[in-house]
N, C-alpha and C. Protein backbone atom coordinates (compact mmCIF):
# COMPACT_ATOMS: atom_id res chain seq x y z
N MET A 1 -36.82 40.41 -42.08
CA MET A 1 -35.29 40.41 -42.70
C MET A 1 -34.60 40.20 -41.26
N VAL A 2 -35.15 41.56 -40.54
CA VAL A 2 -34.52 41.75 -39.43
C VAL A 2 -34.88 40.66 -38.46
N TYR A 3 -36.15 40.07 -38.31
CA TYR A 3 -36.96 39.15 -37.38
C TYR A 3 -36.00 37.96 -37.85
N LYS A 4 -35.53 37.73 -38.96
CA LYS A 4 -34.59 36.51 -39.59
C LYS A 4 -33.49 36.40 -38.89
N ILE A 5 -32.98 37.56 -39.35
CA ILE A 5 -31.14 37.85 -38.52
C ILE A 5 -31.60 37.41 -37.00
N LEU A 6 -32.46 38.19 -36.31
CA LEU A 6 -32.65 37.85 -34.65
C LEU A 6 -32.93 36.54 -34.35
N GLY A 7 -33.93 35.94 -35.19
CA GLY A 7 -34.14 34.32 -34.84
C GLY A 7 -33.23 34.07 -35.21
N ILE A 8 -32.28 33.69 -36.03
CA ILE A 8 -30.78 32.99 -36.24
C ILE A 8 -29.96 33.39 -35.52
N LEU A 9 -29.84 34.03 -34.89
CA LEU A 9 -29.02 34.63 -33.75
C LEU A 9 -29.46 34.19 -32.14
N CYS A 10 -30.77 33.96 -32.45
CA CYS A 10 -31.00 33.59 -31.21
C CYS A 10 -30.75 32.00 -31.12
N PHE A 11 -31.23 31.09 -32.65
CA PHE A 11 -30.42 29.89 -32.43
C PHE A 11 -29.33 29.44 -32.30
N LEU A 12 -28.54 30.20 -32.78
CA LEU A 12 -27.01 29.96 -32.16
C LEU A 12 -26.56 30.74 -31.30
N PHE A 13 -26.93 30.89 -30.38
CA PHE A 13 -26.53 31.25 -29.10
C PHE A 13 -27.15 30.43 -28.33
N LEU A 14 -28.61 29.82 -28.67
CA LEU A 14 -29.21 29.18 -27.59
C LEU A 14 -28.46 27.63 -27.83
N PHE A 15 -27.63 27.80 -29.20
CA PHE A 15 -27.57 26.34 -29.87
C PHE A 15 -25.84 25.99 -28.89
N TRP A 16 -24.85 27.16 -28.68
CA TRP A 16 -23.44 27.17 -28.48
C TRP A 16 -23.55 27.46 -26.92
N GLY A 17 -24.80 28.06 -26.32
CA GLY A 17 -24.81 28.10 -25.34
C GLY A 17 -25.01 26.77 -24.25
N CYS A 18 -25.51 25.94 -24.88
CA CYS A 18 -25.99 24.29 -24.04
C CYS A 18 -24.86 23.58 -24.67
N ALA A 19 -23.82 23.85 -23.46
CA ALA A 19 -22.75 23.17 -22.76
C ALA A 19 -22.91 21.36 -22.39
N PHE A 20 -22.39 20.70 -23.03
CA PHE A 20 -23.18 19.07 -22.71
C PHE A 20 -21.71 18.41 -21.83
N ASP A 21 -20.95 18.84 -21.68
CA ASP A 21 -19.81 18.86 -20.41
C ASP A 21 -19.72 20.04 -20.09
N LEU A 22 -19.95 19.93 -19.03
CA LEU A 22 -19.75 21.31 -18.53
C LEU A 22 -18.63 21.35 -17.33
N ALA A 23 -18.36 20.48 -16.86
CA ALA A 23 -16.99 19.93 -15.67
C ALA A 23 -16.26 18.40 -16.17
N HIS A 24 -15.01 18.60 -16.13
CA HIS A 24 -14.26 17.27 -16.16
C HIS A 24 -14.10 16.93 -14.99
N VAL A 25 -14.00 15.78 -14.42
CA VAL A 25 -13.19 14.95 -13.88
C VAL A 25 -11.98 15.31 -13.73
N SER A 26 -11.07 15.89 -12.91
CA SER A 26 -9.30 15.86 -13.35
C SER A 26 -8.73 14.56 -12.77
N TYR A 27 -8.03 14.24 -13.69
CA TYR A 27 -7.64 12.87 -13.22
C TYR A 27 -6.24 12.75 -13.50
N LYS A 28 -4.99 11.85 -13.19
CA LYS A 28 -3.58 11.76 -14.19
C LYS A 28 -3.98 10.27 -13.69
N PRO A 29 -3.43 9.74 -14.86
CA PRO A 29 -3.00 8.18 -15.24
C PRO A 29 -2.26 7.84 -13.87
N ALA A 30 -2.55 6.39 -13.80
CA ALA A 30 -2.50 5.52 -12.74
C ALA A 30 -1.92 3.95 -13.00
N GLN A 31 -0.45 3.80 -12.59
CA GLN A 31 -0.26 2.35 -12.82
C GLN A 31 -0.75 1.45 -11.75
N PHE A 32 -1.95 0.53 -12.03
CA PHE A 32 -2.24 -0.33 -10.87
C PHE A 32 -1.88 -1.61 -10.91
N LYS A 33 -1.59 -1.80 -10.27
CA LYS A 33 -1.07 -3.58 -9.93
C LYS A 33 -1.79 -4.38 -9.01
N PRO A 34 -2.51 -5.34 -9.57
CA PRO A 34 -3.36 -5.67 -9.03
C PRO A 34 -2.70 -6.87 -8.21
N GLU A 35 -3.99 -7.11 -6.63
CA GLU A 35 -3.58 -8.38 -5.96
C GLU A 35 -3.97 -9.59 -6.75
N PRO A 36 -2.96 -10.44 -6.34
CA PRO A 36 -3.54 -11.40 -7.03
C PRO A 36 -4.63 -12.45 -6.23
N GLU A 37 -4.80 -12.08 -5.14
CA GLU A 37 -6.18 -12.47 -4.37
C GLU A 37 -6.46 -11.28 -3.33
N PRO A 38 -7.58 -10.99 -2.76
CA PRO A 38 -7.71 -10.07 -2.00
C PRO A 38 -7.67 -10.55 -0.65
N ARG A 39 -6.97 -9.84 0.02
CA ARG A 39 -6.88 -10.55 1.70
C ARG A 39 -6.97 -9.50 2.53
N ILE A 40 -7.39 -8.27 2.31
CA ILE A 40 -7.44 -7.21 3.28
C ILE A 40 -8.85 -6.92 3.22
N THR A 41 -9.27 -6.76 3.79
CA THR A 41 -11.27 -6.24 3.90
C THR A 41 -11.13 -5.00 4.78
N LEU A 42 -11.55 -3.86 4.44
CA LEU A 42 -11.87 -2.74 5.20
C LEU A 42 -13.11 -2.71 5.61
N ILE A 43 -13.60 -2.41 6.96
CA ILE A 43 -15.08 -1.79 7.22
C ILE A 43 -15.34 -1.09 7.74
N MET A 44 -16.40 -0.13 7.55
CA MET A 44 -16.44 1.11 8.15
C MET A 44 -16.93 0.93 9.00
N LYS A 45 -16.90 1.58 10.31
CA LYS A 45 -17.24 1.10 11.40
C LYS A 45 -18.49 2.75 11.68
N ASP A 46 -18.34 3.76 11.05
CA ASP A 46 -19.20 4.91 10.98
C ASP A 46 -18.78 5.47 9.55
N ALA A 47 -20.39 5.90 9.28
CA ALA A 47 -20.31 6.54 8.19
C ALA A 47 -19.50 7.49 7.63
N VAL A 48 -19.08 7.62 6.61
CA VAL A 48 -18.17 9.08 6.50
C VAL A 48 -18.87 9.78 5.01
N LYS A 49 -18.86 10.78 5.61
CA LYS A 49 -18.94 11.85 4.75
C LYS A 49 -17.80 12.38 3.98
N VAL A 50 -18.21 12.42 2.17
CA VAL A 50 -16.83 13.39 1.63
C VAL A 50 -17.32 14.10 1.02
N GLU A 51 -17.02 15.22 1.42
CA GLU A 51 -17.29 16.40 0.96
C GLU A 51 -17.03 17.48 -0.37
N GLN A 52 -15.21 16.68 -0.15
CA GLN A 52 -14.42 16.82 -1.23
C GLN A 52 -14.42 15.98 -2.63
N ALA A 53 -15.32 15.60 -2.85
CA ALA A 53 -15.56 14.84 -3.92
C ALA A 53 -15.49 15.76 -5.25
N PRO A 54 -14.45 15.55 -5.73
CA PRO A 54 -14.45 16.23 -7.27
C PRO A 54 -15.95 16.56 -7.92
N CYS A 55 -16.04 18.10 -8.11
CA CYS A 55 -16.98 18.51 -8.84
C CYS A 55 -18.14 19.04 -7.68
N GLY A 56 -17.72 18.92 -6.44
CA GLY A 56 -19.10 19.65 -5.42
C GLY A 56 -20.13 18.02 -5.38
N TYR A 57 -19.98 16.92 -5.63
CA TYR A 57 -20.91 16.38 -5.31
C TYR A 57 -20.43 15.35 -4.18
N ALA A 58 -21.29 15.33 -2.68
CA ALA A 58 -20.53 14.75 -1.36
C ALA A 58 -20.99 13.42 -1.92
N ARG A 59 -20.50 12.41 -1.26
CA ARG A 59 -20.48 11.24 -1.18
C ARG A 59 -20.32 10.38 0.23
N THR A 60 -21.15 9.55 0.67
CA THR A 60 -20.84 9.16 2.09
C THR A 60 -20.87 7.42 1.92
N LEU A 61 -19.60 7.44 2.24
CA LEU A 61 -19.60 6.08 2.70
C LEU A 61 -20.15 5.25 3.84
N LEU A 62 -21.00 3.77 4.14
CA LEU A 62 -21.81 3.94 4.45
C LEU A 62 -21.57 3.41 5.87
N LYS A 63 -22.02 3.27 6.82
CA LYS A 63 -21.54 2.65 7.76
C LYS A 63 -21.45 1.08 7.69
N GLY A 64 -20.50 -0.12 8.08
CA GLY A 64 -20.87 -0.97 7.80
C GLY A 64 -20.46 -1.71 6.00
N THR A 65 -19.72 -1.08 5.45
CA THR A 65 -19.48 -1.62 4.00
C THR A 65 -18.43 -2.33 4.06
N ARG A 66 -18.34 -3.03 3.11
CA ARG A 66 -16.94 -3.71 2.92
C ARG A 66 -15.93 -3.62 1.88
N TRP A 67 -14.68 -2.88 2.19
CA TRP A 67 -13.82 -2.81 0.80
C TRP A 67 -12.92 -3.75 0.92
N ASP A 68 -12.55 -4.34 -0.36
CA ASP A 68 -11.34 -5.31 -0.65
C ASP A 68 -10.29 -4.61 -1.10
N LEU A 69 -9.32 -4.94 -1.01
CA LEU A 69 -7.59 -4.86 -1.40
C LEU A 69 -7.72 -5.03 -2.69
N ILE A 70 -7.37 -4.61 -3.69
CA ILE A 70 -7.79 -5.38 -4.98
C ILE A 70 -6.45 -5.21 -5.49
N GLY A 71 -5.24 -4.25 -5.04
CA GLY A 71 -4.08 -3.65 -5.86
C GLY A 71 -3.66 -2.41 -5.27
N THR A 72 -2.60 -2.08 -5.75
CA THR A 72 -1.99 -0.91 -5.33
C THR A 72 -1.77 0.15 -6.38
N ILE A 73 -1.65 1.85 -6.68
CA ILE A 73 -1.03 2.51 -7.38
C ILE A 73 0.32 3.39 -6.51
N PRO A 74 0.99 3.97 -7.24
CA PRO A 74 1.89 4.72 -6.48
C PRO A 74 1.37 5.54 -5.51
N GLU A 75 0.35 6.14 -5.35
CA GLU A 75 0.14 6.76 -4.17
C GLU A 75 -0.98 5.90 -3.21
N GLY A 76 -0.95 4.62 -3.20
CA GLY A 76 -1.77 3.99 -2.04
C GLY A 76 -2.51 3.09 -2.62
N GLU A 77 -2.85 2.18 -1.38
CA GLU A 77 -3.71 1.03 -1.96
C GLU A 77 -5.25 1.13 -2.03
N VAL A 78 -5.74 0.24 -2.81
CA VAL A 78 -7.19 0.57 -4.05
C VAL A 78 -7.87 -0.70 -3.60
N TYR A 79 -9.08 0.06 -2.97
CA TYR A 79 -10.13 -0.65 -2.48
C TYR A 79 -11.58 -0.60 -3.38
N LYS A 80 -11.84 -1.87 -3.61
CA LYS A 80 -13.35 -1.94 -4.15
C LYS A 80 -14.20 -1.95 -3.06
N PRO A 81 -15.58 -1.50 -3.53
CA PRO A 81 -16.34 -1.58 -2.78
C PRO A 81 -17.12 -3.16 -3.12
N LYS A 82 -17.58 -3.67 -1.45
CA LYS A 82 -17.91 -4.69 -2.03
C LYS A 82 -19.39 -4.93 -1.55
N ASP A 83 -20.52 -3.72 -0.97
CA ASP A 83 -21.52 -4.02 -0.79
C ASP A 83 -22.18 -2.43 -0.93
N GLN A 84 -21.14 -1.49 -1.52
CA GLN A 84 -21.67 -0.41 -1.80
C GLN A 84 -21.61 0.25 -3.23
N VAL A 85 -22.35 1.01 -4.03
CA VAL A 85 -21.67 1.55 -5.31
C VAL A 85 -20.73 2.83 -5.08
N LEU A 86 -20.21 3.19 -5.36
CA LEU A 86 -19.23 4.53 -5.15
C LEU A 86 -18.88 5.24 -6.66
N THR A 87 -19.43 6.39 -7.05
CA THR A 87 -19.34 7.03 -7.99
C THR A 87 -18.59 8.59 -7.93
N VAL A 88 -17.96 8.99 -8.50
CA VAL A 88 -17.79 10.32 -8.77
C VAL A 88 -18.40 11.12 -9.84
N GLU A 89 -19.04 12.30 -9.71
CA GLU A 89 -19.53 12.79 -10.87
C GLU A 89 -19.34 13.95 -10.96
N CYS A 90 -19.57 14.34 -12.57
CA CYS A 90 -19.18 16.12 -12.50
C CYS A 90 -19.85 16.10 -13.76
N SER A 91 -20.18 15.80 -14.86
CA SER A 91 -20.86 16.38 -15.85
C SER A 91 -21.41 14.60 -16.46
N HIS A 92 -20.65 13.75 -16.30
CA HIS A 92 -19.95 12.32 -16.64
C HIS A 92 -20.16 11.41 -14.92
N VAL A 93 -20.76 10.16 -15.41
CA VAL A 93 -20.80 9.76 -13.68
C VAL A 93 -19.56 8.53 -14.03
N HIS A 94 -18.39 8.67 -12.88
CA HIS A 94 -17.54 7.03 -13.09
C HIS A 94 -17.33 6.68 -12.30
N GLU A 95 -17.18 4.89 -12.04
CA GLU A 95 -17.09 4.46 -11.22
C GLU A 95 -15.71 4.52 -10.65
N ALA A 96 -15.84 4.33 -9.10
CA ALA A 96 -14.78 4.60 -8.37
C ALA A 96 -14.61 3.51 -7.35
N TYR A 97 -13.25 4.21 -6.78
CA TYR A 97 -12.55 2.39 -5.85
C TYR A 97 -11.88 3.62 -4.70
N LEU A 98 -11.65 3.28 -3.52
CA LEU A 98 -11.02 3.91 -2.57
C LEU A 98 -9.76 4.26 -2.85
N VAL A 99 -8.97 4.81 -3.07
CA VAL A 99 -7.09 4.86 -2.45
C VAL A 99 -6.82 5.42 -1.02
N VAL A 100 -6.55 4.49 -0.38
CA VAL A 100 -6.45 4.64 0.97
C VAL A 100 -4.74 4.47 1.17
N SER A 101 -4.26 5.50 2.01
CA SER A 101 -2.52 5.43 2.46
C SER A 101 -2.86 5.92 3.90
N GLY A 102 -1.84 5.00 4.77
CA GLY A 102 -1.90 5.15 6.19
C GLY A 102 -3.05 5.03 7.14
N GLY A 103 -4.36 4.53 6.48
CA GLY A 103 -5.73 4.40 7.28
C GLY A 103 -6.56 5.78 6.84
N ALA A 104 -6.16 6.55 5.93
CA ALA A 104 -6.58 7.81 5.18
C ALA A 104 -6.88 7.97 4.18
N LEU A 105 -8.22 8.21 3.65
CA LEU A 105 -8.69 8.29 1.71
C LEU A 105 -8.08 9.69 1.52
N ILE A 106 -7.47 9.27 0.46
CA ILE A 106 -6.70 10.34 -0.27
C ILE A 106 -6.86 10.66 -1.64
N GLY A 107 -7.95 9.55 -2.10
CA GLY A 107 -8.85 10.01 -3.34
C GLY A 107 -9.40 8.93 -3.50
N PHE A 108 -9.81 8.56 -5.09
CA PHE A 108 -10.61 7.72 -5.53
C PHE A 108 -9.45 7.18 -7.00
N TYR A 109 -9.66 6.26 -7.18
CA TYR A 109 -9.18 5.22 -8.62
C TYR A 109 -10.50 4.95 -9.18
N LEU A 110 -10.41 5.14 -10.51
CA LEU A 110 -11.18 5.52 -11.32
C LEU A 110 -10.62 4.26 -12.24
N PRO A 111 -11.70 2.94 -12.11
CA PRO A 111 -10.97 1.41 -12.49
C PRO A 111 -11.18 1.89 -14.60
N VAL A 112 -12.30 1.93 -14.59
CA VAL A 112 -12.47 2.25 -16.09
C VAL A 112 -11.17 3.14 -16.89
N GLU A 113 -11.20 4.59 -16.39
CA GLU A 113 -10.19 5.72 -16.79
C GLU A 113 -8.80 5.27 -16.50
N LYS A 114 -8.83 4.35 -15.71
CA LYS A 114 -7.11 4.42 -15.17
C LYS A 114 -6.46 5.10 -14.68
N GLY A 115 -7.05 6.04 -13.76
CA GLY A 115 -6.75 7.47 -13.15
C GLY A 115 -7.17 7.35 -11.37
N PHE A 116 -6.32 8.28 -11.10
CA PHE A 116 -5.91 8.86 -9.76
C PHE A 116 -6.85 10.17 -9.82
N VAL A 117 -7.86 10.32 -8.78
CA VAL A 117 -8.04 11.78 -8.58
C VAL A 117 -8.13 11.76 -6.66
N PRO A 118 -7.36 12.82 -6.52
CA PRO A 118 -7.11 12.78 -5.39
C PRO A 118 -7.62 13.88 -4.64
N ILE A 119 -8.36 14.03 -3.00
CA ILE A 119 -9.00 14.64 -2.46
C ILE A 119 -8.08 15.49 -1.87
N SER A 120 -8.84 17.16 -1.23
CA SER A 120 -8.11 17.56 -0.42
C SER A 120 -8.76 18.06 1.02
N PRO A 121 -8.48 18.05 1.94
CA PRO A 121 -7.68 17.65 2.44
C PRO A 121 -8.41 15.61 3.00
N THR A 122 -6.99 15.08 3.48
CA THR A 122 -7.36 13.41 3.79
C THR A 122 -8.38 13.45 4.51
N ILE A 123 -9.12 12.11 4.74
CA ILE A 123 -9.92 11.71 5.73
C ILE A 123 -9.83 10.65 6.29
N LYS A 124 -9.62 10.79 7.69
CA LYS A 124 -9.13 9.51 7.99
C LYS A 124 -10.27 8.89 8.43
N LEU A 125 -10.37 7.52 8.07
CA LEU A 125 -11.04 6.49 7.99
C LEU A 125 -11.33 5.80 9.40
N PRO A 126 -12.96 5.55 9.82
CA PRO A 126 -12.77 4.55 11.05
C PRO A 126 -13.33 3.46 10.98
N ILE A 127 -12.15 2.59 9.97
CA ILE A 127 -12.08 1.52 9.94
C ILE A 127 -11.64 0.39 10.71
N ASP A 128 -12.04 -1.12 10.66
CA ASP A 128 -11.58 -2.37 11.09
C ASP A 128 -10.51 -2.61 10.54
C-alpha cells in the first residue's frame, strides 16, 4: 500500500514538474502601419550579435544581409529580412523583424503576434 501511494506521488510530481511553457516572450501589442511598397533597404556592413534577445538566446544579424522597410509601429520602423531568417525564442519560436529608430535596433516586431519586444540597451547598427 505504501509503495502504491509513493508511486502515485512520484507520478504526480513528475507530471506537474514537466512544464512545457517555461518562459514566454513578453511583448506588447503594436499598431502596425504597412508601407505601400518597400522603398528603403538596410544592408548590414558587419555582423551584429544581439545578446539581449528575449530569454537569453543570442542572435547574429549577418554581414551583408538586407532588410526591407515594410512599415512602422509607434516605437520605430519595421524591417523584414530579405535573406536571413530571424526568430526570437523562449519555449516557443517566434518569427521576428527588426524595429529600428535613429539607426539603432530597439527591439523586434513579431508579425504573427502583432507585438513589439524591446531590447535594452539598444544597439547601433552598422548599416548602409
